[in-house]
């Protein structure tokens, strides 16, 4: 009987649809909690870096460089060091030159290859 009365009370008003028999108060409607963190950081003067995959590439290169430190045969160590060095340099160059230029475009388009911040 109490359950039927509660259901009738809940169905009488759409704002009560989320109410449970055990609630002491009618639940408040959900708040719209969409926050634009980039805009908020810009207002506060905080610089947020964009997401980048280059740190993972740098870590893979460092892994191969670390494997080259293990006492394998000379040829294997040399190959691992070369592969690791190339991957590591690719990651560093990509992160510093490609991402940096994309993040901070030059104010003067005629910079002749120099990037000024």
PDB file of N, CA and C in Angstrom:
ATOM      1  N   UNK A   1       0.815  -1.184   0.000  1.00  0.00           N
ATOM      2  CA  UNK A   1       0.000   0.000   0.000  1.00  0.00           C
ATOM      3  C   UNK A   1       0.871   1.264   0.000  1.00  0.00           C
ATOM      4  N   UNK A   2       1.887   1.286   0.861  1.00  0.00           N
ATOM      5  CA  UNK A   2       2.773   2.447   0.898  1.00  0.00           C
ATOM      6  C   UNK A   2       3.536   2.570  -0.408  1.00  0.00           C
ATOM      7  N   UNK A   3       3.874   1.445  -0.995  1.00  0.00           N
ATOM      8  CA  UNK A   3       4.600   1.473  -2.257  1.00  0.00           C
ATOM      9  C   UNK A   3       3.739   2.069  -3.361  1.00  0.00           C
ATOM     10  N   UNK A   4       2.470   1.724  -3.400  1.00  0.00           N
ATOM     11  CA  UNK A   4       1.563   2.280  -4.407  1.00  0.00           C
ATOM     12  C   UNK A   4       1.382   3.773  -4.195  1.00  0.00           C
ATOM     13  N   UNK A   5       1.282   4.211  -2.941  1.00  0.00           N
ATOM     14  CA  UNK A   5       1.137   5.636  -2.652  1.00  0.00           C
ATOM     15  C   UNK A   5       2.405   6.389  -3.067  1.00  0.00           C
ATOM     16  N   UNK A   6       3.576   5.809  -2.807  1.00  0.00           N
ATOM     17  CA  UNK A   6       4.826   6.450  -3.205  1.00  0.00           C
ATOM     18  C   UNK A   6       4.913   6.565  -4.721  1.00  0.00           C
ATOM     19  N   UNK A   7       4.546   5.498  -5.434  1.00  0.00           N
ATOM     20  CA  UNK A   7       4.599   5.531  -6.897  1.00  0.00           C
ATOM     21  C   UNK A   7       3.639   6.570  -7.452  1.00  0.00           C
ATOM     22  N   UNK A   8       2.457   6.692  -6.863  1.00  0.00           N
ATOM     23  CA  UNK A   8       1.508   7.709  -7.316  1.00  0.00           C
ATOM     24  C   UNK A   8       2.063   9.106  -7.054  1.00  0.00           C
ATOM     25  N   UNK A   9       2.686   9.308  -5.875  1.00  0.00           N
ATOM     26  CA  UNK A   9       3.288  10.605  -5.554  1.00  0.00           C
ATOM     27  C   UNK A   9       4.428  10.936  -6.512  1.00  0.00           C
ATOM     28  N   UNK A  10       5.287   9.949  -6.803  1.00  0.00           N
ATOM     29  CA  UNK A  10       6.432  10.159  -7.688  1.00  0.00           C
ATOM     30  C   UNK A  10       5.985  10.438  -9.111  1.00  0.00           C
ATOM     31  N   UNK A  11       4.954   9.750  -9.597  1.00  0.00           N
ATOM     32  CA  UNK A  11       4.496   9.924 -10.973  1.00  0.00           C
ATOM     33  C   UNK A  11       3.678  11.193 -11.159  1.00  0.00           C
ATOM     34  N   UNK A  12       3.241  11.836 -10.080  1.00  0.00           N
ATOM     35  CA  UNK A  12       2.437  13.050 -10.188  1.00  0.00           C
ATOM     36  C   UNK A  12       3.260  14.246 -10.654  1.00  0.00           C
ATOM     37  N   UNK A  13       4.554  14.235 -10.408  1.00  0.00           N
ATOM     38  CA  UNK A  13       5.405  15.370 -10.759  1.00  0.00           C
ATOM     39  C   UNK A  13       6.679  14.840 -11.415  1.00  0.00           C
ATOM     40  N   UNK A  14       7.007  15.315 -12.640  1.00  0.00           N
ATOM     41  CA  UNK A  14       8.214  14.812 -13.318  1.00  0.00           C
ATOM     42  C   UNK A  14       9.508  15.116 -12.559  1.00  0.00           C
ATOM     43  N   UNK A  15       9.521  16.131 -11.709  1.00  0.00           N
ATOM     44  CA  UNK A  15      10.749  16.440 -10.967  1.00  0.00           C
ATOM     45  C   UNK A  15      11.023  15.406  -9.881  1.00  0.00           C
ATOM     46  N   UNK A  16      10.032  14.586  -9.560  1.00  0.00           N
ATOM     47  CA  UNK A  16      10.207  13.552  -8.544  1.00  0.00           C
ATOM     48  C   UNK A  16      10.606  12.200  -9.142  1.00  0.00           C
ATOM     49  N   UNK A  17      10.845  12.136 -10.439  1.00  0.00           N
ATOM     50  CA  UNK A  17      11.103  10.861 -11.110  1.00  0.00           C
ATOM     51  C   UNK A  17      12.344  10.159 -10.562  1.00  0.00           C
ATOM     52  N   UNK A  18      13.323  10.914 -10.106  1.00  0.00           N
ATOM     53  CA  UNK A  18      14.564  10.309  -9.604  1.00  0.00           C
ATOM     54  C   UNK A  18      14.487   9.975  -8.119  1.00  0.00           C
ATOM     55  N   UNK A  19      13.346  10.238  -7.490  1.00  0.00           N
ATOM     56  CA  UNK A  19      13.214  10.007  -6.050  1.00  0.00           C
ATOM     57  C   UNK A  19      13.129   8.517  -5.747  1.00  0.00           C
ATOM     58  N   UNK A  20      13.693   8.150  -4.620  1.00  0.00           N
ATOM     59  CA  UNK A  20      13.642   6.783  -4.128  1.00  0.00           C
ATOM     60  C   UNK A  20      12.825   6.759  -2.837  1.00  0.00           C
ATOM     61  N   UNK A  21      12.334   5.593  -2.468  1.00  0.00           N
ATOM     62  CA  UNK A  21      11.566   5.470  -1.225  1.00  0.00           C
ATOM     63  C   UNK A  21      12.407   5.817  -0.014  1.00  0.00           C
ATOM     64  N   UNK A  22      13.699   5.704  -0.143  1.00  0.00           N
ATOM     65  CA  UNK A  22      14.587   5.884   0.999  1.00  0.00           C
ATOM     66  C   UNK A  22      15.182   7.288   1.088  1.00  0.00           C
ATOM     67  N   UNK A  23      14.875   8.155   0.124  1.00  0.00           N
ATOM     68  CA  UNK A  23      15.386   9.526   0.155  1.00  0.00           C
ATOM     69  C   UNK A  23      14.635  10.338   1.198  1.00  0.00           C
ATOM     70  N   UNK A  24      15.366  11.151   1.950  1.00  0.00           N
ATOM     71  CA  UNK A  24      14.728  12.039   2.916  1.00  0.00           C
ATOM     72  C   UNK A  24      14.249  13.326   2.259  1.00  0.00           C
ATOM     73  N   UNK A  25      14.935  13.741   1.201  1.00  0.00           N
ATOM     74  CA  UNK A  25      14.556  14.928   0.438  1.00  0.00           C
ATOM     75  C   UNK A  25      14.451  14.537  -1.024  1.00  0.00           C
ATOM     76  N   UNK A  26      13.704  15.340  -1.781  1.00  0.00           N
ATOM     77  CA  UNK A  26      13.610  15.108  -3.220  1.00  0.00           C
ATOM     78  C   UNK A  26      14.968  15.444  -3.827  1.00  0.00           C
ATOM     79  N   UNK A  27      15.542  14.548  -4.639  1.00  0.00           N
ATOM     80  CA  UNK A  27      16.858  14.818  -5.236  1.00  0.00           C
ATOM     81  C   UNK A  27      16.819  16.053  -6.130  1.00  0.00           C
ATOM     82  N   UNK A  28      17.876  16.825  -6.048  1.00  0.00           N
ATOM     83  CA  UNK A  28      17.996  18.004  -6.893  1.00  0.00           C
ATOM     84  C   UNK A  28      18.294  17.578  -8.319  1.00  0.00           C
ATOM     85  N   UNK A  29      17.887  18.379  -9.296  1.00  0.00           N
ATOM     86  CA  UNK A  29      18.223  18.027 -10.681  1.00  0.00           C
ATOM     87  C   UNK A  29      19.738  18.065 -10.869  1.00  0.00           C
ATOM     88  N   UNK A  30      20.260  17.233 -11.753  1.00  0.00           N
ATOM     89  CA  UNK A  30      21.722  17.204 -11.942  1.00  0.00           C
ATOM     90  C   UNK A  30      22.226  18.536 -12.487  1.00  0.00           C
ATOM     91  N   UNK A  31      23.355  18.967 -11.962  1.00  0.00           N
ATOM     92  CA  UNK A  31      23.967  20.207 -12.406  1.00  0.00           C
ATOM     93  C   UNK A  31      24.737  19.969 -13.693  1.00  0.00           C
ATOM     94  N   UNK A  32      24.743  20.961 -14.538  1.00  0.00           N
ATOM     95  CA  UNK A  32      25.513  20.876 -15.777  1.00  0.00           C
ATOM     96  C   UNK A  32      26.954  21.235 -15.436  1.00  0.00           C
ATOM     97  N   UNK A  33      27.801  20.227 -15.326  1.00  0.00           N
ATOM     98  CA  UNK A  33      29.172  20.423 -14.875  1.00  0.00           C
ATOM     99  C   UNK A  33      30.174  20.315 -16.021  1.00  0.00           C
ATOM    100  N   UNK A  34      29.879  20.952 -17.126  1.00  0.00           N
ATOM    101  CA  UNK A  34      30.821  20.959 -18.231  1.00  0.00           C
ATOM    102  C   UNK A  34      31.786  22.116 -18.012  1.00  0.00           C
ATOM    103  N   UNK A  35      33.053  21.786 -17.871  1.00  0.00           N
ATOM    104  CA  UNK A  35      34.073  22.796 -17.599  1.00  0.00           C
ATOM    105  C   UNK A  35      35.055  22.805 -18.760  1.00  0.00           C
ATOM    106  N   UNK A  36      35.290  23.977 -19.310  1.00  0.00           N
ATOM    107  CA  UNK A  36      36.288  24.127 -20.359  1.00  0.00           C
ATOM    108  C   UNK A  36      37.610  24.483 -19.674  1.00  0.00           C
ATOM    109  N   UNK A  37      38.422  23.457 -19.444  1.00  0.00           N
ATOM    110  CA  UNK A  37      39.658  23.661 -18.694  1.00  0.00           C
ATOM    111  C   UNK A  37      40.649  24.541 -19.450  1.00  0.00           C
ATOM    112  N   UNK A  38      40.660  24.451 -20.772  1.00  0.00           N
ATOM    113  CA  UNK A  38      41.587  25.279 -21.543  1.00  0.00           C
ATOM    114  C   UNK A  38      41.221  26.758 -21.406  1.00  0.00           C
ATOM    115  N   UNK A  39      39.929  27.079 -21.496  1.00  0.00           N
ATOM    116  CA  UNK A  39      39.505  28.470 -21.350  1.00  0.00           C
ATOM    117  C   UNK A  39      39.747  28.966 -19.923  1.00  0.00           C
ATOM    118  N   UNK A  40      39.482  28.120 -18.949  1.00  0.00           N
ATOM    119  CA  UNK A  40      39.696  28.498 -17.545  1.00  0.00           C
ATOM    120  C   UNK A  40      41.179  28.744 -17.275  1.00  0.00           C
ATOM    121  N   UNK A  41      42.039  27.895 -17.818  1.00  0.00           N
ATOM    122  CA  UNK A  41      43.479  28.079 -17.643  1.00  0.00           C
ATOM    123  C   UNK A  41      43.949  29.357 -18.329  1.00  0.00           C
ATOM    124  N   UNK A  42      43.372  29.656 -19.501  1.00  0.00           N
ATOM    125  CA  UNK A  42      43.748  30.876 -20.212  1.00  0.00           C
ATOM    126  C   UNK A  42      43.347  32.111 -19.399  1.00  0.00           C
ATOM    127  N   UNK A  43      42.160  32.065 -18.766  1.00  0.00           N
ATOM    128  CA  UNK A  43      41.724  33.177 -17.919  1.00  0.00           C
ATOM    129  C   UNK A  43      42.675  33.380 -16.745  1.00  0.00           C
ATOM    130  N   UNK A  44      43.173  32.290 -16.182  1.00  0.00           N
ATOM    131  CA  UNK A  44      44.061  32.373 -15.025  1.00  0.00           C
ATOM    132  C   UNK A  44      45.521  32.596 -15.410  1.00  0.00           C
ATOM    133  N   UNK A  45      45.823  32.570 -16.700  1.00  0.00           N
ATOM    134  CA  UNK A  45      47.190  32.765 -17.147  1.00  0.00           C
ATOM    135  C   UNK A  45      48.050  31.529 -17.025  1.00  0.00           C
ATOM    136  N   UNK A  46      47.428  30.355 -17.006  1.00  0.00           N
ATOM    137  CA  UNK A  46      48.155  29.093 -16.892  1.00  0.00           C
ATOM    138  C   UNK A  46      48.320  28.514 -18.290  1.00  0.00           C
ATOM    139  N   UNK A  47      49.517  28.042 -18.589  1.00  0.00           N
ATOM    140  CA  UNK A  47      49.778  27.457 -19.901  1.00  0.00           C
ATOM    141  C   UNK A  47      49.622  25.945 -19.828  1.00  0.00           C
ATOM    142  N   UNK A  48      48.712  25.392 -20.632  1.00  0.00           N
ATOM    143  CA  UNK A  48      48.523  23.942 -20.705  1.00  0.00           C
ATOM    144  C   UNK A  48      49.131  23.431 -22.000  1.00  0.00           C
ATOM    145  N   UNK A  49      49.954  22.418 -21.899  1.00  0.00           N
ATOM    146  CA  UNK A  49      50.545  21.836 -23.087  1.00  0.00           C
ATOM    147  C   UNK A  49      49.526  20.942 -23.777  1.00  0.00           C
ATOM    148  N   UNK A  50      49.498  20.942 -25.097  1.00  0.00           N
ATOM    149  CA  UNK A  50      48.597  20.009 -25.781  1.00  0.00           C
ATOM    150  C   UNK A  50      49.119  18.584 -25.637  1.00  0.00           C
ATOM    151  N   UNK A  51      48.243  17.632 -25.804  1.00  0.00           N
ATOM    152  CA  UNK A  51      48.672  16.238 -25.684  1.00  0.00           C
ATOM    153  C   UNK A  51      49.628  15.897 -26.823  1.00  0.00           C
ATOM    154  N   UNK A  52      50.586  15.063 -26.531  1.00  0.00           N
ATOM    155  CA  UNK A  52      51.607  14.704 -27.502  1.00  0.00           C
ATOM    156  C   UNK A  52      51.987  13.245 -27.312  1.00  0.00           C
ATOM    157  N   UNK A  53      52.307  12.575 -28.415  1.00  0.00           N
ATOM    158  CA  UNK A  53      52.765  11.189 -28.360  1.00  0.00           C
ATOM    159  C   UNK A  53      54.289  11.089 -28.346  1.00  0.00           C
ATOM    160  N   UNK A  54      54.969  12.199 -28.524  1.00  0.00           N
ATOM    161  CA  UNK A  54      56.428  12.157 -28.602  1.00  0.00           C
ATOM    162  C   UNK A  54      57.107  11.674 -27.315  1.00  0.00           C
ATOM    163  N   UNK A  55      56.594  11.952 -26.127  1.00  0.00           N
ATOM    164  CA  UNK A  55      57.256  11.388 -24.938  1.00  0.00           C
ATOM    165  C   UNK A  55      57.286   9.862 -24.941  1.00  0.00           C
ATOM    166  N   UNK A  56      56.260   9.227 -25.493  1.00  0.00           N
ATOM    167  CA  UNK A  56      56.265   7.764 -25.577  1.00  0.00           C
ATOM    168  C   UNK A  56      57.326   7.283 -26.560  1.00  0.00           C
ATOM    169  N   UNK A  57      57.494   8.006 -27.659  1.00  0.00           N
ATOM    170  CA  UNK A  57      58.522   7.651 -28.639  1.00  0.00           C
ATOM    171  C   UNK A  57      59.905   7.808 -28.010  1.00  0.00           C
ATOM    172  N   UNK A  58      60.091   8.858 -27.230  1.00  0.00           N
ATOM    173  CA  UNK A  58      61.364   9.064 -26.542  1.00  0.00           C
ATOM    174  C   UNK A  58      61.634   7.913 -25.578  1.00  0.00           C
ATOM    175  N   UNK A  59      60.607   7.451 -24.885  1.00  0.00           N
ATOM    176  CA  UNK A  59      60.779   6.332 -23.945  1.00  0.00           C
ATOM    177  C   UNK A  59      61.147   5.039 -24.667  1.00  0.00           C
ATOM    178  N   UNK A  60      60.576   4.814 -25.846  1.00  0.00           N
ATOM    179  CA  UNK A  60      60.930   3.614 -26.618  1.00  0.00           C
ATOM    180  C   UNK A  60      62.392   3.700 -27.048  1.00  0.00           C
ATOM    181  N   UNK A  61      62.819   4.887 -27.484  1.00  0.00           N
ATOM    182  CA  UNK A  61      64.222   5.066 -27.838  1.00  0.00           C
ATOM    183  C   UNK A  61      65.139   4.852 -26.649  1.00  0.00           C
ATOM    184  N   UNK A  62      64.733   5.350 -25.482  1.00  0.00           N
ATOM    185  CA  UNK A  62      65.533   5.144 -24.270  1.00  0.00           C
ATOM    186  C   UNK A  62      65.580   3.670 -23.887  1.00  0.00           C
ATOM    187  N   UNK A  63      64.498   2.938 -24.149  1.00  0.00           N
ATOM    188  CA  UNK A  63      64.490   1.498 -23.877  1.00  0.00           C
ATOM    189  C   UNK A  63      65.549   0.789 -24.720  1.00  0.00           C
ATOM    190  N   UNK A  64      65.596   1.100 -26.013  1.00  0.00           N
ATOM    191  CA  UNK A  64      66.596   0.465 -26.874  1.00  0.00           C
ATOM    192  C   UNK A  64      68.012   0.881 -26.476  1.00  0.00           C
ATOM    193  N   UNK A  65      68.174   2.137 -26.066  1.00  0.00           N
ATOM    194  CA  UNK A  65      69.492   2.567 -25.599  1.00  0.00           C
ATOM    195  C   UNK A  65      69.882   1.827 -24.319  1.00  0.00           C
ATOM    196  N   UNK A  66      68.924   1.587 -23.442  1.00  0.00           N
ATOM    197  CA  UNK A  66      69.215   0.831 -22.219  1.00  0.00           C
ATOM    198  C   UNK A  66      69.535  -0.621 -22.543  1.00  0.00           C
ATOM    199  N   UNK A  67      68.844  -1.191 -23.526  1.00  0.00           N
ATOM    200  CA  UNK A  67      69.146  -2.568 -23.933  1.00  0.00           C
ATOM    201  C   UNK A  67      70.549  -2.673 -24.522  1.00  0.00           C
ATOM    202  N   UNK A  68      71.016  -1.578 -25.137  1.00  0.00           N
ATOM    203  CA  UNK A  68      72.370  -1.584 -25.698  1.00  0.00           C
ATOM    204  C   UNK A  68      73.429  -1.595 -24.602  1.00  0.00           C
ATOM    205  N   UNK A  69      73.061  -1.240 -23.384  1.00  0.00           N
ATOM    206  CA  UNK A  69      74.025  -1.246 -22.275  1.00  0.00           C
ATOM    207  C   UNK A  69      74.214  -2.636 -21.684  1.00  0.00           C
ATOM    208  N   UNK A  70      73.322  -3.574 -22.020  1.00  0.00           N
ATOM    209  CA  UNK A  70      73.451  -4.949 -21.532  1.00  0.00           C
ATOM    210  C   UNK A  70      74.601  -5.616 -22.284  1.00  0.00           C
ATOM    211  N   UNK A  71      75.437  -6.375 -21.623  1.00  0.00           N
ATOM    212  CA  UNK A  71      76.600  -6.959 -22.295  1.00  0.00           C
ATOM    213  C   UNK A  71      76.244  -8.094 -23.264  1.00  0.00           C
ATOM    214  N   UNK A  72      75.662  -7.722 -24.401  1.00  0.00           N
ATOM    215  CA  UNK A  72      75.466  -8.662 -25.502  1.00  0.00           C
ATOM    216  C   UNK A  72      76.724  -8.635 -26.363  1.00  0.00           C
ATOM    217  N   UNK A  73      76.649  -9.273 -27.509  1.00  0.00           N
ATOM    218  CA  UNK A  73      77.781  -9.199 -28.442  1.00  0.00           C
ATOM    219  C   UNK A  73      77.890  -7.760 -28.953  1.00  0.00           C
ATOM    220  N   UNK A  74      79.051  -7.423 -29.449  1.00  0.00           N
ATOM    221  CA  UNK A  74      79.310  -6.061 -29.902  1.00  0.00           C
ATOM    222  C   UNK A  74      78.380  -5.609 -31.009  1.00  0.00           C
ATOM    223  N   UNK A  75      78.071  -6.521 -31.945  1.00  0.00           N
ATOM    224  CA  UNK A  75      77.192  -6.168 -33.061  1.00  0.00           C
ATOM    225  C   UNK A  75      75.777  -5.883 -32.564  1.00  0.00           C
ATOM    226  N   UNK A  76      75.276  -6.715 -31.663  1.00  0.00           N
ATOM    227  CA  UNK A  76      73.916  -6.516 -31.142  1.00  0.00           C
ATOM    228  C   UNK A  76      73.830  -5.203 -30.361  1.00  0.00           C
ATOM    229  N   UNK A  77      74.850  -4.907 -29.587  1.00  0.00           N
ATOM    230  CA  UNK A  77      74.842  -3.660 -28.817  1.00  0.00           C
ATOM    231  C   UNK A  77      74.892  -2.456 -29.736  1.00  0.00           C
ATOM    232  N   UNK A  78      75.677  -2.552 -30.799  1.00  0.00           N
ATOM    233  CA  UNK A  78      75.779  -1.446 -31.749  1.00  0.00           C
ATOM    234  C   UNK A  78      74.451  -1.223 -32.467  1.00  0.00           C
ATOM    235  N   UNK A  79      73.814  -2.321 -32.900  1.00  0.00           N
ATOM    236  CA  UNK A  79      72.523  -2.205 -33.592  1.00  0.00           C
ATOM    237  C   UNK A  79      71.469  -1.619 -32.651  1.00  0.00           C
ATOM    238  N   UNK A  80      71.408  -2.109 -31.410  1.00  0.00           N
ATOM    239  CA  UNK A  80      70.443  -1.575 -30.446  1.00  0.00           C
ATOM    240  C   UNK A  80      70.704  -0.097 -30.153  1.00  0.00           C
ATOM    241  N   UNK A  81      71.966   0.282 -30.046  1.00  0.00           N
ATOM    242  CA  UNK A  81      72.304   1.678 -29.771  1.00  0.00           C
ATOM    243  C   UNK A  81      71.912   2.579 -30.939  1.00  0.00           C
ATOM    244  N   UNK A  82      72.148   2.120 -32.164  1.00  0.00           N
ATOM    245  CA  UNK A  82      71.792   2.927 -33.338  1.00  0.00           C
ATOM    246  C   UNK A  82      70.276   3.065 -33.451  1.00  0.00           C
ATOM    247  N   UNK A  83      69.560   1.948 -33.299  1.00  0.00           N
ATOM    248  CA  UNK A  83      68.093   1.997 -33.372  1.00  0.00           C
ATOM    249  C   UNK A  83      67.542   2.887 -32.260  1.00  0.00           C
ATOM    250  N   UNK A  84      68.027   2.697 -31.045  1.00  0.00           N
ATOM    251  CA  UNK A  84      67.569   3.512 -29.920  1.00  0.00           C
ATOM    252  C   UNK A  84      67.894   4.980 -30.088  1.00  0.00           C
ATOM    253  N   UNK A  85      69.083   5.261 -30.577  1.00  0.00           N
ATOM    254  CA  UNK A  85      69.473   6.656 -30.792  1.00  0.00           C
ATOM    255  C   UNK A  85      68.617   7.336 -31.839  1.00  0.00           C
ATOM    256  N   UNK A  86      68.332   6.624 -32.932  1.00  0.00           N
ATOM    257  CA  UNK A  86      67.495   7.210 -33.986  1.00  0.00           C
ATOM    258  C   UNK A  86      66.066   7.453 -33.498  1.00  0.00           C
ATOM    259  N   UNK A  87      65.507   6.484 -32.795  1.00  0.00           N
ATOM    260  CA  UNK A  87      64.146   6.654 -32.273  1.00  0.00           C
ATOM    261  C   UNK A  87      64.118   7.780 -31.238  1.00  0.00           C
ATOM    262  N   UNK A  88      65.114   7.817 -30.374  1.00  0.00           N
ATOM    263  CA  UNK A  88      65.189   8.862 -29.353  1.00  0.00           C
ATOM    264  C   UNK A  88      65.305  10.242 -29.997  1.00  0.00           C
ATOM    265  N   UNK A  89      66.185  10.377 -30.977  1.00  0.00           N
ATOM    266  CA  UNK A  89      66.347  11.668 -31.650  1.00  0.00           C
ATOM    267  C   UNK A  89      65.088  12.070 -32.406  1.00  0.00           C
ATOM    268  N   UNK A  90      64.417  11.094 -33.036  1.00  0.00           N
ATOM    269  CA  UNK A  90      63.158  11.389 -33.723  1.00  0.00           C
ATOM    270  C   UNK A  90      62.133  11.944 -32.732  1.00  0.00           C
ATOM    271  N   UNK A  91      62.041  11.341 -31.562  1.00  0.00           N
ATOM    272  CA  UNK A  91      61.098  11.812 -30.548  1.00  0.00           C
ATOM    273  C   UNK A  91      61.442  13.197 -30.032  1.00  0.00           C
ATOM    274  N   UNK A  92      62.710  13.440 -29.761  1.00  0.00           N
ATOM    275  CA  UNK A  92      63.124  14.747 -29.245  1.00  0.00           C
ATOM    276  C   UNK A  92      62.916  15.830 -30.295  1.00  0.00           C
ATOM    277  N   UNK A  93      63.332  15.563 -31.528  1.00  0.00           N
ATOM    278  CA  UNK A  93      63.165  16.553 -32.598  1.00  0.00           C
ATOM    279  C   UNK A  93      61.682  16.810 -32.849  1.00  0.00           C
ATOM    280  N   UNK A  94      60.880  15.763 -32.871  1.00  0.00           N
ATOM    281  CA  UNK A  94      59.448  15.951 -33.085  1.00  0.00           C
ATOM    282  C   UNK A  94      58.795  16.740 -31.975  1.00  0.00           C
ATOM    283  N   UNK A  95      59.185  16.466 -30.747  1.00  0.00           N
ATOM    284  CA  UNK A  95      58.566  17.143 -29.611  1.00  0.00           C
ATOM    285  C   UNK A  95      59.020  18.598 -29.520  1.00  0.00           C
ATOM    286  N   UNK A  96      60.314  18.839 -29.757  1.00  0.00           N
ATOM    287  CA  UNK A  96      60.847  20.190 -29.596  1.00  0.00           C
ATOM    288  C   UNK A  96      60.555  21.062 -30.811  1.00  0.00           C
ATOM    289  N   UNK A  97      60.745  20.529 -32.000  1.00  0.00           N
ATOM    290  CA  UNK A  97      60.585  21.356 -33.195  1.00  0.00           C
ATOM    291  C   UNK A  97      59.166  21.340 -33.756  1.00  0.00           C
ATOM    292  N   UNK A  98      58.572  20.165 -33.908  1.00  0.00           N
ATOM    293  CA  UNK A  98      57.250  20.081 -34.530  1.00  0.00           C
ATOM    294  C   UNK A  98      56.172  20.587 -33.581  1.00  0.00           C
ATOM    295  N   UNK A  99      56.125  20.057 -32.361  1.00  0.00           N
ATOM    296  CA  UNK A  99      55.095  20.464 -31.402  1.00  0.00           C
ATOM    297  C   UNK A  99      55.293  21.911 -30.973  1.00  0.00           C
ATOM    298  N   UNK A 100      56.537  22.324 -30.780  1.00  0.00           N
ATOM    299  CA  UNK A 100      56.805  23.675 -30.317  1.00  0.00           C
ATOM    300  C   UNK A 100      56.382  24.702 -31.351  1.00  0.00           C
ATOM    301  N   UNK A 101      56.648  24.425 -32.614  1.00  0.00           N
ATOM    302  CA  UNK A 101      56.274  25.356 -33.675  1.00  0.00           C
ATOM    303  C   UNK A 101      54.759  25.404 -33.815  1.00  0.00           C
ATOM    304  N   UNK A 102      54.101  24.260 -33.646  1.00  0.00           N
ATOM    305  CA  UNK A 102      52.650  24.227 -33.754  1.00  0.00           C
ATOM    306  C   UNK A 102      52.002  24.934 -32.562  1.00  0.00           C
ATOM    307  N   UNK A 103      52.627  24.828 -31.373  1.00  0.00           N
ATOM    308  CA  UNK A 103      52.071  25.469 -30.178  1.00  0.00           C
ATOM    309  C   UNK A 103      52.263  26.974 -30.209  1.00  0.00           C
ATOM    310  N   UNK A 104      53.415  27.419 -30.631  1.00  0.00           N
ATOM    311  CA  UNK A 104      53.742  28.834 -30.616  1.00  0.00           C
ATOM    312  C   UNK A 104      54.077  29.293 -32.032  1.00  0.00           C
ATOM    313  N   UNK A 105      53.069  29.566 -32.873  1.00  0.00           N
ATOM    314  CA  UNK A 105      53.382  30.036 -34.222  1.00  0.00           C
ATOM    315  C   UNK A 105      54.055  31.406 -34.152  1.00  0.00           C
ATOM    316  N   UNK A 106      54.957  31.630 -35.076  1.00  0.00           N
ATOM    317  CA  UNK A 106      55.705  32.879 -35.086  1.00  0.00           C
ATOM    318  C   UNK A 106      54.783  34.035 -35.457  1.00  0.00           C
ATOM    319  N   UNK A 107      54.974  35.173 -34.798  1.00  0.00           N
ATOM    320  CA  UNK A 107      54.188  36.361 -35.125  1.00  0.00           C
ATOM    321  C   UNK A 107      54.596  36.912 -36.479  1.00  0.00           C
ATOM    322  N   UNK A 108      55.881  36.811 -36.776  1.00  0.00           N
ATOM    323  CA  UNK A 108      56.411  37.283 -38.043  1.00  0.00           C
ATOM    324  C   UNK A 108      56.603  36.082 -38.955  1.00  0.00           C
ATOM    325  N   UNK A 109      55.838  35.961 -40.062  1.00  0.00           N
ATOM    326  CA  UNK A 109      55.963  34.775 -40.910  1.00  0.00           C
ATOM    327  C   UNK A 109      57.301  34.671 -41.625  1.00  0.00           C
ATOM    328  N   UNK A 110      58.106  35.743 -41.678  1.00  0.00           N
ATOM    329  CA  UNK A 110      59.391  35.705 -42.365  1.00  0.00           C
ATOM    330  C   UNK A 110      60.518  35.521 -41.354  1.00  0.00           C
ATOM    331  N   UNK A 111      60.462  34.444 -40.589  1.00  0.00           N
ATOM    332  CA  UNK A 111      61.474  34.226 -39.554  1.00  0.00           C
ATOM    333  C   UNK A 111      62.689  33.481 -40.082  1.00  0.00           C
ATOM    334  N   UNK A 112      62.665  33.042 -41.343  1.00  0.00           N
ATOM    335  CA  UNK A 112      63.786  32.350 -41.983  1.00  0.00           C
ATOM    336  C   UNK A 112      64.225  31.127 -41.195  1.00  0.00           C
ATOM    337  N   UNK A 113      63.250  30.339 -40.708  1.00  0.00           N
ATOM    338  CA  UNK A 113      63.556  29.087 -40.037  1.00  0.00           C
ATOM    339  C   UNK A 113      63.845  29.202 -38.554  1.00  0.00           C
ATOM    340  N   UNK A 114      63.954  30.411 -38.029  1.00  0.00           N
ATOM    341  CA  UNK A 114      64.222  30.580 -36.609  1.00  0.00           C
ATOM    342  C   UNK A 114      62.899  30.682 -35.860  1.00  0.00           C
ATOM    343  N   UNK A 115      62.834  30.040 -34.721  1.00  0.00           N
ATOM    344  CA  UNK A 115      61.632  30.089 -33.896  1.00  0.00           C
ATOM    345  C   UNK A 115      61.936  30.924 -32.667  1.00  0.00           C
ATOM    346  N   UNK A 116      61.189  32.002 -32.487  1.00  0.00           N
ATOM    347  CA  UNK A 116      61.382  32.877 -31.330  1.00  0.00           C
ATOM    348  C   UNK A 116      60.157  32.793 -30.449  1.00  0.00           C
ATOM    349  N   UNK A 117      60.382  32.772 -29.144  1.00  0.00           N
ATOM    350  CA  UNK A 117      59.263  32.695 -28.187  1.00  0.00           C
ATOM    351  C   UNK A 117      59.155  33.988 -27.449  1.00  0.00           C
TER     352      UNK A 117
END
